[in-house]
Amino acid sequence: MSIEIISLIGLGTLVTILFFLIFIRDSEVSKKLKIYERVIEDLNRENHNLSKNIEKLASKDKLEIKIFKEEIQKEIKSQVQTSLLPMVDSIREIEGVMLNFQDQQIARIDSLENRTKEINYVPPNVTESNERQIISQYKNGKSEAKIAKDLRIGIGEVDLILKLANLK
């Protein structure tokens, strides 16, 4: 019996030691888990702070980009105005010169038309005298071509007048 009691006491001691070892091991694991929890919380806080900073920087960058775009647009407008305004002025001057030239040409055409009207104007008495001359010259034996040349009129007109006078 004594061996049995000793073995039971030994077994009890062994179980107690095992519980004690498990307890120590569990406390060490709990300490390590608490350390990991703190590290994870710190990392989460740092992550949150970094996210806030990134959002602030992004909004700042957006504002800076907008300001930069506006400045670029202003600069482009000023460059375009300084470079295109002289061109526009030159084009307007050319347009004015062309309008003056056009007016001069219209005036010349009008004067040429007036001169042409004056040159081509035939008083009614000339036509009657031409008819008499055509008839008299044809009766004198001149050809139609010669009569037209002398009177400076067309052969068709001479021919028509002779037909109307029943001479042909």
Protein backbone atom coordinates (compact mmCIF):
# COMPACT_ATOMS: atom_id res chain seq x y z
CA MET A 1 0.00 0.00 0.00
CA SER A 2 2.64 2.27 0.64
CA ILE A 3 3.85 1.97 -2.91
CA GLU A 4 0.45 2.72 -4.09
CA ILE A 5 0.22 5.77 -1.88
CA ILE A 6 3.65 6.90 -2.93
CA SER A 7 2.72 6.42 -6.57
CA LEU A 8 -0.53 8.31 -6.01
CA ILE A 9 1.33 11.11 -4.25
CA GLY A 10 3.92 11.06 -7.05
CA LEU A 11 1.16 11.12 -9.63
CA GLY A 12 -0.58 13.96 -7.77
CA THR A 13 2.69 15.86 -7.53
CA LEU A 14 3.29 15.28 -11.21
CA VAL A 15 -0.19 16.54 -12.09
CA THR A 16 0.33 19.55 -9.82
CA ILE A 17 3.68 20.28 -11.48
CA LEU A 18 2.04 19.93 -14.87
CA PHE A 19 -0.73 22.34 -13.86
CA PHE A 20 1.88 24.68 -12.45
CA LEU A 21 3.92 24.48 -15.69
CA ILE A 22 0.76 25.02 -17.77
CA PHE A 23 -0.15 27.98 -15.55
CA ILE A 24 3.33 29.49 -16.00
CA ARG A 25 3.22 28.83 -19.73
CA ASP A 26 -0.27 30.36 -19.94
CA SER A 27 0.84 33.48 -18.08
CA GLU A 28 3.83 33.88 -20.44
CA VAL A 29 1.56 33.49 -23.46
CA SER A 30 -0.86 36.04 -21.94
CA LYS A 31 2.02 38.50 -21.46
CA LYS A 32 3.12 38.02 -25.06
CA LEU A 33 -0.46 38.42 -26.31
CA LYS A 34 -0.82 41.66 -24.32
CA ILE A 35 2.41 42.92 -25.89
CA TYR A 36 1.10 41.96 -29.36
CA GLU A 37 -2.21 43.68 -28.61
CA ARG A 38 -0.41 46.90 -27.62
CA VAL A 39 1.76 46.75 -30.74
CA ILE A 40 -1.32 46.17 -32.92
CA GLU A 41 -3.16 49.06 -31.24
CA ASP A 42 -0.15 51.33 -31.74
CA LEU A 43 0.05 50.28 -35.38
CA ASN A 44 -3.68 50.94 -35.81
CA ARG A 45 -3.29 54.41 -34.28
CA GLU A 46 -0.30 55.13 -36.48
CA ASN A 47 -2.21 53.86 -39.52
CA HIS A 48 -5.14 56.10 -38.63
CA ASN A 49 -2.84 59.12 -38.19
CA LEU A 50 -1.12 58.37 -41.48
CA SER A 51 -4.49 58.10 -43.24
CA LYS A 52 -5.49 61.50 -41.85
CA ASN A 53 -2.18 63.01 -42.95
CA ILE A 54 -2.54 61.51 -46.41
CA GLU A 55 -6.05 62.95 -46.73
CA LYS A 56 -4.79 66.35 -45.63
CA LEU A 57 -1.90 66.21 -48.09
CA ALA A 58 -4.19 65.01 -50.87
CA SER A 59 -6.62 67.87 -50.27
CA LYS A 60 -3.68 70.28 -50.09
CA ASP A 61 -2.30 68.86 -53.32
CA LYS A 62 -5.71 69.22 -54.97
CA LEU A 63 -5.84 72.84 -53.92
CA GLU A 64 -2.29 73.41 -55.08
CA ILE A 65 -3.05 71.69 -58.38
CA LYS A 66 -6.15 73.86 -58.85
CA ILE A 67 -4.13 76.98 -58.09
CA PHE A 68 -1.39 75.80 -60.43
CA LYS A 69 -3.93 75.13 -63.20
CA GLU A 70 -5.43 78.57 -62.76
CA GLU A 71 -2.01 80.18 -62.92
CA ILE A 72 -1.18 78.22 -66.07
CA GLN A 73 -4.47 79.25 -67.68
CA LYS A 74 -3.84 82.90 -66.82
CA GLU A 75 -0.34 82.70 -68.25
CA ILE A 76 -1.60 81.03 -71.43
CA LYS A 77 -4.29 83.69 -71.87
CA SER A 78 -1.78 86.48 -71.43
CA GLN A 79 0.65 84.83 -73.87
CA VAL A 80 -2.11 84.34 -76.45
CA GLN A 81 -3.28 87.90 -76.06
CA THR A 82 0.21 89.34 -76.40
CA SER A 83 0.99 87.21 -79.45
CA LEU A 84 -2.39 87.29 -81.22
CA LEU A 85 -3.41 90.90 -80.73
CA PRO A 86 -0.73 92.20 -83.14
CA MET A 87 -1.86 89.58 -85.67
CA VAL A 88 -5.49 90.61 -85.31
CA ASP A 89 -4.51 94.26 -85.78
CA SER A 90 -2.52 93.34 -88.88
CA ILE A 91 -5.45 91.39 -90.28
CA ARG A 92 -7.75 94.35 -89.68
CA GLU A 93 -5.31 96.65 -91.48
CA ILE A 94 -5.14 94.21 -94.41
CA GLU A 95 -8.93 94.04 -94.44
CA GLY A 96 -9.11 97.84 -94.57
CA VAL A 97 -6.61 97.94 -97.45
CA MET A 98 -8.59 95.28 -99.30
CA LEU A 99 -11.86 97.19 -98.80
CA ASN A 100 -10.22 100.37 -100.13
CA PHE A 101 -8.90 98.43 -103.12
CA GLN A 102 -12.34 96.94 -103.69
CA ASP A 103 -13.93 100.40 -103.58
CA GLN A 104 -11.34 101.71 -106.05
CA GLN A 105 -12.01 98.80 -108.42
CA ILE A 106 -15.77 99.35 -108.20
CA ALA A 107 -15.24 103.03 -108.99
CA ARG A 108 -13.04 102.11 -111.96
CA ILE A 109 -15.61 99.64 -113.26
CA ASP A 110 -18.34 102.26 -112.93
CA SER A 111 -16.27 104.82 -114.83
CA LEU A 112 -15.49 102.26 -117.54
CA GLU A 113 -19.17 101.41 -117.86
CA ASN A 114 -20.02 105.11 -118.18
CA ARG A 115 -17.36 105.57 -120.86
CA THR A 116 -18.63 102.50 -122.69
CA LYS A 117 -22.16 103.89 -122.62
CA GLU A 118 -20.89 107.20 -123.99
CA ILE A 119 -18.93 105.49 -126.77
CA ASN A 120 -21.73 103.12 -127.72
CA TYR A 121 -24.40 105.81 -127.63
CA VAL A 122 -25.86 106.20 -131.07
CA PRO A 123 -28.33 108.99 -131.58
CA PRO A 124 -31.46 108.02 -133.52
CA ASN A 125 -30.58 110.30 -136.45
CA VAL A 126 -27.40 108.30 -137.12
CA THR A 127 -29.42 105.12 -137.69
CA GLU A 128 -31.66 106.85 -140.22
CA SER A 129 -28.69 108.37 -141.99
CA ASN A 130 -26.95 104.95 -141.98
CA GLU A 131 -30.01 103.42 -143.65
CA ARG A 132 -29.95 106.09 -146.36
CA GLN A 133 -26.21 105.69 -146.87
CA ILE A 134 -26.47 101.87 -147.03
CA ILE A 135 -29.25 102.07 -149.60
CA SER A 136 -27.47 104.71 -151.71
CA GLN A 137 -24.12 102.92 -151.63
CA TYR A 138 -25.75 99.57 -152.51
CA LYS A 139 -27.50 101.23 -155.43
CA ASN A 140 -24.12 102.65 -156.49
CA GLY A 141 -22.81 99.06 -156.65
CA LYS A 142 -20.82 98.67 -153.46
CA SER A 143 -20.76 95.27 -151.77
CA GLU A 144 -22.31 94.65 -148.36
CA ALA A 145 -18.89 94.03 -146.79
CA LYS A 146 -17.49 97.30 -148.14
CA ILE A 147 -20.55 99.26 -146.93
CA ALA A 148 -20.25 97.70 -143.42
CA LYS A 149 -16.56 98.54 -143.31
CA ASP A 150 -17.05 102.13 -144.41
CA LEU A 151 -19.88 102.79 -141.96
CA ARG A 152 -18.31 100.71 -139.19
CA ILE A 153 -21.34 98.53 -138.62
CA GLY A 154 -21.97 94.80 -138.90
CA ILE A 155 -22.62 93.04 -142.22
CA GLY A 156 -25.79 91.54 -140.71
CA GLU A 157 -27.15 95.02 -140.09
CA VAL A 158 -26.40 96.04 -143.67
CA ASP A 159 -28.05 92.86 -144.94
CA LEU A 160 -31.13 93.44 -142.77
CA ILE A 161 -31.57 97.04 -143.93
CA LEU A 162 -31.25 95.99 -147.58
CA LYS A 163 -33.84 93.25 -147.08
CA LEU A 164 -36.24 95.67 -145.39
CA ALA A 165 -35.80 98.08 -148.27
CA ASN A 166 -36.60 95.21 -150.67
CA LEU A 167 -33.32 95.68 -152.48
CA LYS A 168 -32.12 92.21 -151.95
